[in-house]
Amino acid sequence: MSSFKPIIVSLILAAAVCSCERHMSDADPPLRPLIYTELPPEKTEDEAVPPPVMINIAPEDLGYALFHALIDHDRSAYESMFISGSEYAALIHMQEDAAEKQASEILRKSELLWTLFAPSLEAEEPIGGLSTRLRLAEFRLGKGRNLAGKIAQPELDELVQHWGNELRIELIDTDKVFTIRVPKIVRTPQGWRIAQPIELDKTLQLFLEAGMHLKTDLLTSEHYPMPLEVGNYWKYRLEKTLGSATEPAADTAETTITDMITDIVHRQGYWIVSFERTLFDPSQPETETTSISHFSWLVTPHMILPCMRDCRNNADNISYLLGYIMRQTPYFVLPIEVGQKWSVAGQKDNYARYEVRAFHKDPITVPGGAFSGAYEIFGSIEEGRESRFFVPGTGIIMRIVRSSSGQKREVLIKHRLIL
């Protein structure tokens, strides 16, 4: 009579429940019972090949595992949750090479989710990791189905797949919940597996692309390419040419524009920076030579966007701000690289509004000094065609706007940076 040999399987996933909607707690999940296999009595110990071990977990636990693979940046765990070519072939009786190709395609189409969660630099993540910003709210199972894909009847059918599943992630200290859609999971001899590409909602994609999950310290002047401190200012001389670049307009030779930071609303993952703009125009009547206006920026680790009144009024409403960012074109997408293009919400597409065209290694000389390492950001604005010359650590040193009526230049003559 053959002896029994235990195979110990240590499981870290949460315990199964019967409900199709499961709320996760912060407590560690219980361990599953040990699973034992027995050698067939007709085979000797030397001839026996142990059958695959079935990880007998509930389908809800797949959501728990997926969340922690993303948060902990565990690539092997992430990939192991997707159906393999051999598992796919066994389920739908497809040739293994075709099944392997199909399984690889499912993983490839789910790569964006992994890429967005994986940090480019570990030092950019909050202390304690992403679990200090995001937590698992629930993994909501879709309808259970049988092998034919029809809704399963528990008393008649074996439940082998779930369609329309959702992993919901909560942004801590807010009411914002992000959704990751897992369209289809199937049961294989090795456990539940993802069998269709994962989809994430646009707000989560934008939240991660904007870097709002990263350290807020990245926005401080010692780290951010645009020095952001109350009291910093940039003063420009405004020069206009009418029709021809060689014909200056005499009445605007001494016109100046000064942009000063007057207030910063600090929030985790983003800041709202307010400016006061002072226009001095000696060509105007004496009582009107100086005019003052205000504008604001919404600043994240990876973007600088215009922040209108509604944006300022909703400084604490992350759901509103994410919807707002979706409708705005950033002034900057960081880090800046030559060839970079972007449009609304910083998206890279063929209809880019802004493009980083050149990196000027040699100094660009303006009245305020000579600056090396300027990037030229070219774009289309309401006034015409714009070129901004941006020096990391300093800001805009020159801005040129070309239109049918002529050319306008703003050149830096003085600035103050409190770092």
Protein backbone atom coordinates (compact mmCIF):
# COMPACT_ATOMS: atom_id res chain seq x y z
CA MET A 1 0.00 0.00 0.00
CA SER A 2 1.48 3.34 -1.03
CA SER A 3 2.24 6.07 1.48
CA PHE A 4 0.69 9.51 1.47
CA LYS A 5 2.90 12.48 0.71
CA PRO A 6 1.64 15.96 1.69
CA ILE A 7 2.34 18.85 -0.58
CA ILE A 8 2.11 22.03 1.45
CA VAL A 9 0.65 24.96 -0.45
CA SER A 10 0.95 28.29 1.32
CA LEU A 11 -1.74 30.68 0.15
CA ILE A 12 -1.80 34.37 0.88
CA LEU A 13 -5.17 35.13 -0.65
CA ALA A 14 -8.34 36.03 1.24
CA ALA A 15 -10.91 33.43 2.23
CA ALA A 16 -13.73 32.63 -0.15
CA VAL A 17 -17.22 33.95 0.33
CA CYS A 18 -20.43 33.00 -1.40
CA SER A 19 -21.61 36.51 -2.30
CA CYS A 20 -20.82 37.94 -5.73
CA GLU A 21 -19.91 41.29 -4.12
CA ARG A 22 -17.12 41.17 -1.65
CA HIS A 23 -15.77 43.92 0.62
CA MET A 24 -12.15 43.54 1.62
CA SER A 25 -10.94 44.29 5.11
CA ASP A 26 -7.52 45.52 6.19
CA ALA A 27 -6.89 42.28 8.12
CA ASP A 28 -4.53 39.67 6.75
CA PRO A 29 -6.42 36.93 4.87
CA PRO A 30 -6.62 33.52 6.53
CA LEU A 31 -4.55 30.66 5.21
CA ARG A 32 -6.26 28.03 3.10
CA PRO A 33 -6.35 24.43 4.34
CA LEU A 34 -3.42 22.31 3.28
CA ILE A 35 -3.94 20.38 0.07
CA TYR A 36 -2.84 16.76 -0.23
CA THR A 37 -2.31 14.57 -3.25
CA GLU A 38 -2.05 10.78 -3.31
CA LEU A 39 -0.03 8.69 -5.72
CA PRO A 40 -2.18 6.30 -7.80
CA PRO A 41 -2.01 2.82 -6.19
CA GLU A 42 -1.22 1.08 -9.46
CA LYS A 43 2.00 3.08 -9.95
CA THR A 44 5.21 2.76 -8.00
CA GLU A 45 6.71 5.76 -6.32
CA ASP A 46 9.44 6.05 -8.96
CA GLU A 47 6.99 5.98 -11.88
CA ALA A 48 4.47 8.40 -10.42
CA VAL A 49 4.04 11.93 -11.81
CA PRO A 50 2.13 14.17 -9.36
CA PRO A 51 -0.94 15.80 -10.92
CA PRO A 52 -1.16 19.62 -11.06
CA VAL A 53 -2.12 21.12 -7.72
CA MET A 54 -5.45 22.93 -7.83
CA ILE A 55 -5.19 26.19 -5.89
CA ASN A 56 -8.69 25.93 -4.53
CA ILE A 57 -9.48 29.60 -3.97
CA ALA A 58 -12.61 31.61 -4.51
CA PRO A 59 -12.70 33.79 -7.66
CA GLU A 60 -13.06 36.91 -5.47
CA ASP A 61 -9.56 36.32 -4.16
CA LEU A 62 -8.15 36.99 -7.62
CA GLY A 63 -9.00 40.67 -7.10
CA TYR A 64 -7.08 40.73 -3.81
CA ALA A 65 -4.05 39.20 -5.51
CA LEU A 66 -4.26 41.57 -8.49
CA PHE A 67 -4.39 44.67 -6.29
CA HIS A 68 -1.36 43.64 -4.25
CA ALA A 69 0.65 42.64 -7.31
CA LEU A 70 0.14 46.19 -8.64
CA ILE A 71 0.75 47.98 -5.35
CA ASP A 72 3.80 45.86 -4.47
CA HIS A 73 5.15 45.92 -8.06
CA ASP A 74 5.33 42.12 -8.14
CA ARG A 75 5.71 41.40 -11.83
CA SER A 76 5.82 37.60 -11.54
CA ALA A 77 2.64 37.59 -9.44
CA TYR A 78 0.92 39.89 -11.96
CA GLU A 79 1.79 37.71 -14.94
CA SER A 80 0.85 34.49 -13.12
CA MET A 81 -2.76 35.69 -12.87
CA PHE A 82 -3.19 35.63 -16.65
CA ILE A 83 -4.15 32.48 -18.49
CA SER A 84 -1.23 30.62 -20.07
CA GLY A 85 -1.14 29.17 -23.56
CA SER A 86 -1.46 25.58 -22.31
CA GLU A 87 -4.39 26.49 -20.05
CA TYR A 88 -6.07 28.34 -22.92
CA ALA A 89 -5.58 25.40 -25.28
CA ALA A 90 -7.07 22.97 -22.78
CA LEU A 91 -10.14 25.13 -22.24
CA ILE A 92 -11.14 25.81 -25.83
CA HIS A 93 -9.38 22.93 -27.64
CA MET A 94 -7.13 25.25 -29.66
CA GLN A 95 -3.75 24.28 -31.00
CA GLU A 96 -1.14 25.16 -28.41
CA ASP A 97 0.91 27.54 -30.58
CA ALA A 98 -2.23 29.56 -31.46
CA ALA A 99 -3.33 29.49 -27.82
CA GLU A 100 0.10 30.69 -26.70
CA LYS A 101 -0.15 33.60 -29.12
CA GLN A 102 -3.61 34.48 -27.86
CA ALA A 103 -2.52 34.32 -24.21
CA SER A 104 0.49 36.55 -24.95
CA GLU A 105 -1.80 39.07 -26.63
CA ILE A 106 -4.05 39.24 -23.54
CA LEU A 107 -1.02 40.01 -21.39
CA ARG A 108 0.35 42.54 -23.90
CA LYS A 109 -2.94 44.45 -24.00
CA SER A 110 -2.90 44.57 -20.19
CA GLU A 111 0.61 46.04 -20.09
CA LEU A 112 -0.57 49.65 -19.72
CA LEU A 113 -2.02 48.90 -16.29
CA TRP A 114 1.28 47.44 -15.10
CA THR A 115 3.33 50.27 -16.63
CA LEU A 116 1.28 52.99 -14.96
CA PHE A 117 1.64 51.45 -11.51
CA ALA A 118 5.34 50.63 -11.88
CA PRO A 119 7.46 53.64 -10.79
CA SER A 120 10.13 54.97 -13.12
CA LEU A 121 12.14 55.69 -9.96
CA GLU A 122 11.39 54.00 -6.65
CA ALA A 123 12.48 57.14 -4.79
CA GLU A 124 9.49 59.00 -6.28
CA GLU A 125 6.96 56.83 -4.46
CA PRO A 126 5.45 57.93 -1.13
CA ILE A 127 7.24 56.66 1.96
CA GLY A 128 5.56 53.36 2.75
CA GLY A 129 4.65 52.74 -0.89
CA LEU A 130 1.42 53.09 -2.83
CA SER A 131 -0.54 51.38 -0.06
CA THR A 132 -0.37 54.71 1.80
CA ARG A 133 -2.37 56.35 -1.03
CA LEU A 134 -4.55 53.57 -2.43
CA ARG A 135 -6.50 50.74 -0.83
CA LEU A 136 -8.68 47.93 -2.09
CA ALA A 137 -12.39 48.69 -1.73
CA GLU A 138 -13.85 45.54 -3.28
CA PHE A 139 -13.65 43.04 -6.11
CA ARG A 140 -17.10 42.83 -7.62
CA LEU A 141 -17.78 39.61 -9.48
CA GLY A 142 -19.86 39.60 -12.62
CA LYS A 143 -22.37 36.91 -13.53
CA GLY A 144 -21.19 33.34 -13.15
CA ARG A 145 -21.35 31.35 -16.37
CA ASN A 146 -21.03 27.76 -17.47
CA LEU A 147 -18.65 26.30 -20.03
CA ALA A 148 -20.95 27.37 -22.89
CA GLY A 149 -20.85 30.97 -21.71
CA LYS A 150 -24.45 31.02 -20.50
CA ILE A 151 -25.46 32.30 -17.08
CA ALA A 152 -24.92 29.39 -14.74
CA GLN A 153 -27.78 27.83 -12.78
CA PRO A 154 -26.21 26.60 -9.51
CA GLU A 155 -28.38 23.52 -9.31
CA LEU A 156 -27.61 22.43 -12.88
CA ASP A 157 -24.34 23.95 -14.12
CA GLU A 158 -20.74 23.98 -13.09
CA LEU A 159 -19.57 27.59 -12.67
CA VAL A 160 -16.35 27.98 -14.66
CA GLN A 161 -16.17 31.68 -15.61
CA HIS A 162 -17.25 35.18 -14.55
CA TRP A 163 -17.80 38.03 -17.01
CA GLY A 164 -17.89 41.75 -16.21
CA ASN A 165 -15.80 41.80 -13.04
CA GLU A 166 -14.60 45.05 -11.42
CA LEU A 167 -11.71 45.78 -9.08
CA ARG A 168 -12.46 48.98 -7.17
CA ILE A 169 -9.65 50.98 -5.60
CA GLU A 170 -10.20 53.83 -3.16
CA LEU A 171 -8.00 56.91 -2.89
CA ILE A 172 -7.35 57.21 0.85
CA ASP A 173 -8.87 60.22 2.66
CA THR A 174 -11.17 60.98 -0.28
CA ASP A 175 -14.42 59.65 -1.67
CA LYS A 176 -12.79 58.87 -5.02
CA VAL A 177 -13.05 55.27 -6.18
CA PHE A 178 -11.24 54.08 -9.30
CA THR A 179 -12.36 51.07 -11.33
CA ILE A 180 -10.24 48.43 -13.05
CA ARG A 181 -12.36 46.21 -15.27
CA VAL A 182 -11.47 42.54 -15.52
CA PRO A 183 -13.83 41.46 -18.35
CA LYS A 184 -13.44 37.70 -17.96
CA ILE A 185 -11.92 35.23 -15.50
CA VAL A 186 -11.99 31.47 -15.98
CA ARG A 187 -11.32 28.47 -13.80
CA THR A 188 -8.42 26.27 -14.84
CA PRO A 189 -6.89 23.21 -13.14
CA GLN A 190 -4.33 25.61 -11.63
CA GLY A 191 -6.90 28.10 -10.32
CA TRP A 192 -8.78 31.19 -11.54
CA ARG A 193 -7.10 33.12 -14.35
CA ILE A 194 -7.68 36.38 -16.25
CA ALA A 195 -8.77 35.50 -19.80
CA GLN A 196 -9.34 38.91 -21.43
CA PRO A 197 -7.30 42.14 -21.43
CA ILE A 198 -7.75 44.33 -18.35
CA GLU A 199 -9.26 47.80 -18.82
CA LEU A 200 -8.83 50.78 -16.48
CA ASP A 201 -11.05 53.81 -16.22
CA LYS A 202 -9.80 57.07 -17.68
CA THR A 203 -9.65 58.87 -14.33
CA LEU A 204 -7.28 56.26 -12.89
CA GLN A 205 -5.10 56.42 -16.00
CA LEU A 206 -4.96 60.21 -15.77
CA PHE A 207 -4.31 60.15 -12.01
CA LEU A 208 -1.28 57.92 -12.55
CA GLU A 209 -0.03 59.70 -15.70
CA ALA A 210 -0.17 63.05 -13.89
CA GLY A 211 1.93 61.54 -11.10
CA MET A 212 -0.64 62.45 -8.44
CA HIS A 213 0.15 59.19 -6.62
CA LEU A 214 3.81 60.16 -6.15
CA LYS A 215 5.61 62.05 -3.39
CA THR A 216 4.30 65.59 -3.02
CA ASP A 217 7.90 66.57 -2.17
CA LEU A 218 8.61 66.29 -5.90
CA LEU A 219 6.80 69.63 -6.31
CA THR A 220 9.18 71.57 -4.08
CA SER A 221 11.65 73.95 -5.70
CA GLU A 222 14.64 71.76 -4.90
CA HIS A 223 13.19 68.97 -7.05
CA TYR A 224 10.72 70.56 -9.50
CA PRO A 225 11.96 72.09 -12.77
CA MET A 226 9.79 75.18 -12.21
CA PRO A 227 10.72 76.90 -8.90
CA LEU A 228 7.43 77.30 -7.04
CA GLU A 229 7.63 79.52 -3.96
CA VAL A 230 5.50 82.47 -2.90
CA GLY A 231 7.42 85.62 -3.81
CA ASN A 232 9.16 84.22 -6.88
CA TYR A 233 8.71 86.46 -9.91
CA TRP A 234 9.71 86.78 -13.57
CA LYS A 235 9.77 90.19 -15.26
CA TYR A 236 9.71 90.46 -19.07
CA ARG A 237 10.11 93.27 -21.57
CA LEU A 238 7.39 93.18 -24.19
CA GLU A 239 8.55 93.87 -27.74
CA LYS A 240 6.21 94.03 -30.71
CA THR A 241 6.92 94.17 -34.40
CA LEU A 242 4.23 95.08 -36.89
CA GLY A 243 4.17 93.15 -40.13
CA SER A 244 7.96 92.86 -40.40
CA ALA A 245 10.43 91.54 -37.85
CA THR A 246 12.66 94.55 -38.54
CA GLU A 247 10.08 97.23 -37.80
CA PRO A 248 9.71 97.82 -34.02
CA ALA A 249 6.63 99.50 -32.59
CA ALA A 250 8.09 102.51 -30.76
CA ASP A 251 5.24 102.93 -28.29
CA THR A 252 5.76 99.48 -26.72
CA ALA A 253 9.55 99.53 -26.25
CA GLU A 254 9.33 99.90 -22.47
CA THR A 255 6.26 97.82 -21.79
CA THR A 256 6.87 95.17 -19.11
CA ILE A 257 5.02 92.15 -17.73
CA THR A 258 5.74 90.80 -14.23
CA ASP A 259 4.39 87.44 -13.07
CA MET A 260 4.68 86.89 -9.30
CA ILE A 261 3.58 83.85 -7.25
CA THR A 262 1.22 85.13 -4.56
CA ASP A 263 -0.26 81.94 -3.08
CA ILE A 264 0.10 78.16 -3.17
CA VAL A 265 -2.57 75.69 -2.07
CA HIS A 266 -0.68 72.53 -1.06
CA ARG A 267 -2.49 69.23 -1.49
CA GLN A 268 -1.25 65.67 -1.56
CA GLY A 269 -0.18 64.93 -5.13
CA TYR A 270 -0.91 68.42 -6.54
CA TRP A 271 -0.65 72.14 -5.85
CA ILE A 272 -2.66 75.12 -7.04
CA VAL A 273 -0.30 78.03 -7.66
CA SER A 274 -1.71 81.57 -7.97
CA PHE A 275 0.02 84.42 -9.81
CA GLU A 276 -0.42 88.17 -9.97
CA ARG A 277 0.38 89.64 -13.38
CA THR A 278 1.35 93.32 -13.55
CA LEU A 279 1.35 94.96 -16.96
CA PHE A 280 3.14 98.31 -17.22
CA ASP A 281 2.37 100.07 -20.51
CA PRO A 282 3.63 103.67 -20.83
CA SER A 283 1.66 104.18 -24.02
CA GLN A 284 -1.59 104.21 -22.00
CA PRO A 285 -3.03 107.24 -20.22
CA GLU A 286 -1.28 107.98 -16.92
CA THR A 287 -4.06 106.49 -14.79
CA GLU A 288 -4.00 103.29 -16.84
CA THR A 289 -0.29 102.61 -17.31
CA THR A 290 -0.40 99.81 -14.74
CA SER A 291 -2.99 97.03 -14.78
CA ILE A 292 -3.16 93.94 -12.58
CA SER A 293 -4.72 90.56 -13.34
CA HIS A 294 -4.57 87.10 -11.80
CA PHE A 295 -4.23 83.53 -13.05
CA SER A 296 -3.49 80.12 -11.56
CA TRP A 297 -1.85 76.82 -12.43
CA LEU A 298 -2.77 73.30 -11.40
CA VAL A 299 0.60 71.63 -10.81
CA THR A 300 1.25 67.88 -10.49
CA PRO A 301 4.57 66.00 -10.55
CA HIS A 302 4.16 65.40 -14.29
CA MET A 303 1.99 68.28 -15.56
CA ILE A 304 1.37 72.02 -15.31
CA LEU A 305 -2.11 73.06 -16.46
CA PRO A 306 -4.22 76.24 -16.47
CA CYS A 307 -6.47 76.43 -13.39
CA MET A 308 -9.59 78.51 -13.97
CA ARG A 309 -12.03 79.71 -11.31
CA ASP A 310 -13.94 76.41 -11.07
CA CYS A 311 -10.63 74.60 -10.67
CA ARG A 312 -9.63 76.89 -7.79
CA ASN A 313 -13.05 76.58 -6.16
CA ASN A 314 -12.73 72.78 -6.18
CA ALA A 315 -9.21 72.57 -4.83
CA ASP A 316 -10.19 69.75 -2.43
CA ASN A 317 -12.39 67.80 -4.83
CA ILE A 318 -10.12 65.29 -6.53
CA SER A 319 -12.99 63.80 -8.57
CA TYR A 320 -13.76 67.22 -10.03
CA LEU A 321 -10.10 68.01 -10.67
CA LEU A 322 -9.52 64.77 -12.57
CA GLY A 323 -12.52 65.54 -14.78
CA TYR A 324 -11.19 69.09 -15.21
CA ILE A 325 -7.74 67.86 -16.26
CA MET A 326 -9.39 65.69 -18.93
CA ARG A 327 -10.63 68.87 -20.63
CA GLN A 328 -7.42 70.92 -20.38
CA THR A 329 -4.20 70.97 -22.39
CA PRO A 330 -1.12 71.17 -20.13
CA TYR A 331 1.38 73.97 -20.60
CA PHE A 332 4.09 71.46 -19.69
CA VAL A 333 4.34 67.68 -19.57
CA LEU A 334 7.28 66.57 -17.44
CA PRO A 335 10.00 65.44 -17.73
CA ILE A 336 10.60 67.51 -20.87
CA GLU A 337 12.22 65.69 -23.79
CA VAL A 338 12.92 66.76 -27.37
CA GLY A 339 10.33 65.27 -29.71
CA GLN A 340 7.67 65.10 -27.02
CA LYS A 341 4.13 66.02 -28.19
CA TRP A 342 0.87 66.34 -26.30
CA SER A 343 -2.68 67.59 -26.53
CA VAL A 344 -5.71 67.52 -24.18
CA ALA A 345 -4.96 65.87 -20.82
CA GLY A 346 -1.35 65.45 -21.90
CA GLN A 347 -2.26 62.72 -24.36
CA LYS A 348 0.27 61.85 -27.04
CA ASP A 349 -1.52 61.76 -30.38
CA ASN A 350 -1.32 62.98 -33.97
CA TYR A 351 -3.20 66.20 -33.17
CA ALA A 352 -0.69 67.54 -30.66
CA ARG A 353 -1.10 71.14 -29.58
CA TYR A 354 2.41 71.41 -28.16
CA GLU A 355 5.73 69.94 -29.23
CA VAL A 356 9.24 70.13 -27.75
CA ARG A 357 11.22 71.00 -30.87
CA ALA A 358 14.77 71.74 -29.76
CA PHE A 359 17.28 71.77 -26.93
CA HIS A 360 19.57 74.79 -27.03
CA LYS A 361 22.86 73.70 -25.53
CA ASP A 362 24.55 77.02 -26.33
CA PRO A 363 23.49 80.03 -24.25
CA ILE A 364 20.46 82.06 -25.24
CA THR A 365 21.14 85.67 -24.27
CA VAL A 366 18.34 87.89 -23.01
CA PRO A 367 18.55 91.09 -20.91
CA GLY A 368 18.23 88.99 -17.77
CA GLY A 369 21.33 86.89 -18.58
CA ALA A 370 22.69 84.08 -20.74
CA PHE A 371 21.01 80.69 -20.27
CA SER A 372 22.15 77.28 -21.52
CA GLY A 373 19.98 74.19 -21.75
CA ALA A 374 16.76 75.84 -22.94
CA TYR A 375 13.99 73.72 -24.45
CA GLU A 376 11.88 75.25 -27.20
CA ILE A 377 8.20 74.37 -26.75
CA PHE A 378 6.22 75.15 -29.88
CA GLY A 379 2.43 75.29 -29.98
CA SER A 380 -0.78 76.72 -31.35
CA ILE A 381 -2.69 79.20 -29.21
CA GLU A 382 -5.57 81.58 -29.82
CA GLU A 383 -3.22 84.45 -30.73
CA GLY A 384 -1.23 82.42 -33.28
CA ARG A 385 1.93 80.31 -33.18
CA GLU A 386 3.87 80.33 -29.94
CA SER A 387 7.45 79.39 -29.02
CA ARG A 388 8.39 79.24 -25.32
CA PHE A 389 12.01 78.86 -24.29
CA PHE A 390 12.10 77.01 -20.97
CA VAL A 391 15.16 76.51 -18.77
CA PRO A 392 14.70 73.88 -16.01
CA GLY A 393 15.32 75.44 -12.63
CA THR A 394 14.64 78.96 -13.94
CA GLY A 395 11.45 79.02 -15.99
CA ILE A 396 10.47 80.77 -19.21
CA ILE A 397 13.26 83.07 -20.42
CA MET A 398 11.62 84.09 -23.69
CA ARG A 399 8.24 83.78 -25.40
CA ILE A 400 7.55 84.55 -29.05
CA VAL A 401 4.07 84.73 -30.58
CA ARG A 402 3.69 85.04 -34.35
CA SER A 403 0.41 86.05 -35.96
CA SER A 404 -0.85 87.63 -39.17
CA SER A 405 -0.50 91.08 -37.59
CA GLY A 406 3.15 90.65 -36.65
CA GLN A 407 5.31 89.26 -33.88
CA LYS A 408 5.37 89.71 -30.12
CA ARG A 409 8.34 88.85 -27.89
CA GLU A 410 8.54 88.67 -24.13
CA VAL A 411 12.18 88.53 -22.99
CA LEU A 412 13.30 88.03 -19.40
CA ILE A 413 14.93 91.12 -17.91
CA LYS A 414 14.83 90.24 -14.20
CA HIS A 415 13.75 87.40 -11.94
CA ARG A 416 13.85 86.34 -8.31
CA LEU A 417 13.81 82.70 -7.21
CA ILE A 418 13.41 81.71 -3.59
CA LEU A 419 14.54 78.09 -3.46
